[in-house]
Amino acid sequence: MAGDLLQFAVIIGSVRTGRIAPKVVGWLMTQLGQHRQISIDVIDLAGLSLPDSLDGGGDASVLAKRVDAADGLALGGRPIRRERGAA
C-alpha cells in the first residue's frame, strides 16, 4: 500500500452503446470519495484495446498492472443470468 492510502480499482465492464455503468460508477465514486484514506482508479474497459483471447496483447498488460496494484476491486457491468440448473 502506498502510504496510508487504500488503493481501490473500479472496473467499468460494460462496453455497449447506451450503457448505464458510468452513471453507477459516478454514484460509487461519490460514496468512496467520502473516505479520504482511499485512492480510486477507474478502469473503463471501453477505453482499452483488449485481445479476444487470453494470450495477451493490446492493453492486457496495462489492465493487469492496474488491477494488480489495487488492494480492493469493484466490477460493474451487465449482470450474468443463468438458467436454473446451469453450472
C-alpha atoms as a PDB file:
ATOM      1  CA  MET A   1       0.000   0.000   0.000  1.00  0.00           C
ATOM      2  CA  ALA A   2       1.301   3.448  -0.899  1.00  0.00           C
ATOM      3  CA  GLY A   3       1.474   5.377   2.374  1.00  0.00           C
ATOM      4  CA  ASP A   4      -1.735   5.043   4.347  1.00  0.00           C
ATOM      5  CA  LEU A   5      -3.994   5.087   1.276  1.00  0.00           C
ATOM      6  CA  LEU A   6      -6.020   2.042   0.318  1.00  0.00           C
ATOM      7  CA  GLN A   7      -5.710   1.554  -3.452  1.00  0.00           C
ATOM      8  CA  PHE A   8      -9.136   0.712  -4.906  1.00  0.00           C
ATOM      9  CA  ALA A   9      -9.865  -0.106  -8.566  1.00  0.00           C
ATOM     10  CA  VAL A  10     -13.332   0.249 -10.077  1.00  0.00           C
ATOM     11  CA  ILE A  11     -13.735  -1.546 -13.408  1.00  0.00           C
ATOM     12  CA  ILE A  12     -16.477  -0.499 -15.810  1.00  0.00           C
ATOM     13  CA  GLY A  13     -17.058  -3.804 -17.570  1.00  0.00           C
ATOM     14  CA  SER A  14     -19.811  -2.789 -19.981  1.00  0.00           C
ATOM     15  CA  VAL A  15     -18.707  -1.563 -23.406  1.00  0.00           C
ATOM     16  CA  ARG A  16     -22.170  -1.359 -25.008  1.00  0.00           C
ATOM     17  CA  THR A  17     -23.677   1.778 -26.533  1.00  0.00           C
ATOM     18  CA  GLY A  18     -26.116   3.374 -24.107  1.00  0.00           C
ATOM     19  CA  ARG A  19     -24.583   1.689 -21.072  1.00  0.00           C
ATOM     20  CA  ILE A  20     -25.512   2.995 -17.634  1.00  0.00           C
ATOM     21  CA  ALA A  21     -22.408   1.693 -15.831  1.00  0.00           C
ATOM     22  CA  PRO A  22     -20.619   5.097 -15.920  1.00  0.00           C
ATOM     23  CA  LYS A  23     -23.570   6.647 -14.031  1.00  0.00           C
ATOM     24  CA  VAL A  24     -23.471   3.879 -11.440  1.00  0.00           C
ATOM     25  CA  VAL A  25     -19.707   4.326 -11.080  1.00  0.00           C
ATOM     26  CA  GLY A  26     -20.272   8.075 -10.654  1.00  0.00           C
ATOM     27  CA  TRP A  27     -22.524   7.307  -7.692  1.00  0.00           C
ATOM     28  CA  LEU A  28     -19.966   4.844  -6.296  1.00  0.00           C
ATOM     29  CA  MET A  29     -17.205   7.447  -6.659  1.00  0.00           C
ATOM     30  CA  THR A  30     -19.299   9.900  -4.627  1.00  0.00           C
ATOM     31  CA  GLN A  31     -19.661   7.294  -1.881  1.00  0.00           C
ATOM     32  CA  LEU A  32     -15.986   6.284  -1.908  1.00  0.00           C
ATOM     33  CA  GLY A  33     -14.885   9.915  -2.164  1.00  0.00           C
ATOM     34  CA  GLN A  34     -16.169  10.477   1.367  1.00  0.00           C
ATOM     35  CA  HIS A  35     -13.275   8.356   2.635  1.00  0.00           C
ATOM     36  CA  ARG A  36     -10.023  10.278   2.470  1.00  0.00           C
ATOM     37  CA  GLN A  37      -7.929   7.145   3.024  1.00  0.00           C
ATOM     38  CA  ILE A  38      -8.963   5.632  -0.354  1.00  0.00           C
ATOM     39  CA  SER A  39      -7.255   6.242  -3.699  1.00  0.00           C
ATOM     40  CA  ILE A  40      -9.511   5.263  -6.613  1.00  0.00           C
ATOM     41  CA  ASP A  41      -8.502   4.117 -10.109  1.00  0.00           C
ATOM     42  CA  VAL A  42     -11.464   3.898 -12.516  1.00  0.00           C
ATOM     43  CA  ILE A  43     -10.698   1.423 -15.312  1.00  0.00           C
ATOM     44  CA  ASP A  44     -13.138   1.717 -18.232  1.00  0.00           C
ATOM     45  CA  LEU A  45     -12.787  -1.327 -20.490  1.00  0.00           C
ATOM     46  CA  ALA A  46     -14.356   0.651 -23.348  1.00  0.00           C
ATOM     47  CA  GLY A  47     -11.208   2.785 -23.402  1.00  0.00           C
ATOM     48  CA  LEU A  48      -8.798  -0.148 -23.622  1.00  0.00           C
ATOM     49  CA  SER A  49      -7.771  -2.267 -26.571  1.00  0.00           C
ATOM     50  CA  LEU A  50      -8.141  -5.781 -25.223  1.00  0.00           C
ATOM     51  CA  PRO A  51      -7.492  -9.019 -27.144  1.00  0.00           C
ATOM     52  CA  ASP A  52     -10.192 -11.560 -27.936  1.00  0.00           C
ATOM     53  CA  SER A  53      -8.122 -14.367 -26.419  1.00  0.00           C
ATOM     54  CA  LEU A  54      -6.287 -14.924 -23.144  1.00  0.00           C
ATOM     55  CA  ASP A  55      -2.929 -14.897 -24.953  1.00  0.00           C
ATOM     56  CA  GLY A  56      -2.330 -11.246 -24.090  1.00  0.00           C
ATOM     57  CA  GLY A  57      -1.625  -8.353 -26.389  1.00  0.00           C
ATOM     58  CA  GLY A  58      -3.220  -4.948 -26.738  1.00  0.00           C
ATOM     59  CA  ASP A  59      -3.737  -3.271 -23.384  1.00  0.00           C
ATOM     60  CA  ALA A  60      -3.943  -6.562 -21.455  1.00  0.00           C
ATOM     61  CA  SER A  61      -0.694  -5.889 -19.591  1.00  0.00           C
ATOM     62  CA  VAL A  62      -1.829  -2.335 -18.753  1.00  0.00           C
ATOM     63  CA  LEU A  63      -5.075  -3.702 -17.302  1.00  0.00           C
ATOM     64  CA  ALA A  64      -3.213  -6.419 -15.371  1.00  0.00           C
ATOM     65  CA  LYS A  65      -0.815  -3.902 -13.794  1.00  0.00           C
ATOM     66  CA  ARG A  66      -3.633  -1.594 -12.712  1.00  0.00           C
ATOM     67  CA  VAL A  67      -5.646  -4.438 -11.182  1.00  0.00           C
ATOM     68  CA  ASP A  68      -2.518  -5.877  -9.520  1.00  0.00           C
ATOM     69  CA  ALA A  69      -1.820  -2.506  -7.858  1.00  0.00           C
ATOM     70  CA  ALA A  70      -5.251  -2.476  -6.204  1.00  0.00           C
ATOM     71  CA  ASP A  71      -5.949  -3.523  -2.629  1.00  0.00           C
ATOM     72  CA  GLY A  72      -9.680  -3.687  -3.400  1.00  0.00           C
ATOM     73  CA  LEU A  73     -11.775  -4.081  -6.533  1.00  0.00           C
ATOM     74  CA  ALA A  74     -15.331  -3.362  -7.698  1.00  0.00           C
ATOM     75  CA  LEU A  75     -16.603  -4.606 -11.034  1.00  0.00           C
ATOM     76  CA  GLY A  76     -19.660  -3.186 -12.751  1.00  0.00           C
ATOM     77  CA  GLY A  77     -21.292  -4.327 -15.950  1.00  0.00           C
ATOM     78  CA  ARG A  78     -24.159  -6.319 -17.318  1.00  0.00           C
ATOM     79  CA  PRO A  79     -25.365  -8.994 -14.899  1.00  0.00           C
ATOM     80  CA  ILE A  80     -24.895 -12.591 -15.965  1.00  0.00           C
ATOM     81  CA  ARG A  81     -28.160 -14.501 -15.950  1.00  0.00           C
ATOM     82  CA  ARG A  82     -28.032 -18.259 -15.652  1.00  0.00           C
ATOM     83  CA  GLU A  83     -30.756 -20.718 -16.433  1.00  0.00           C
ATOM     84  CA  ARG A  84     -31.965 -22.717 -13.488  1.00  0.00           C
ATOM     85  CA  GLY A  85     -29.826 -25.820 -13.049  1.00  0.00           C
ATOM     86  CA  ALA A  86     -26.939 -24.423 -15.165  1.00  0.00           C
ATOM     87  CA  ALA A  87     -23.469 -24.682 -13.666  1.00  0.00           C
END
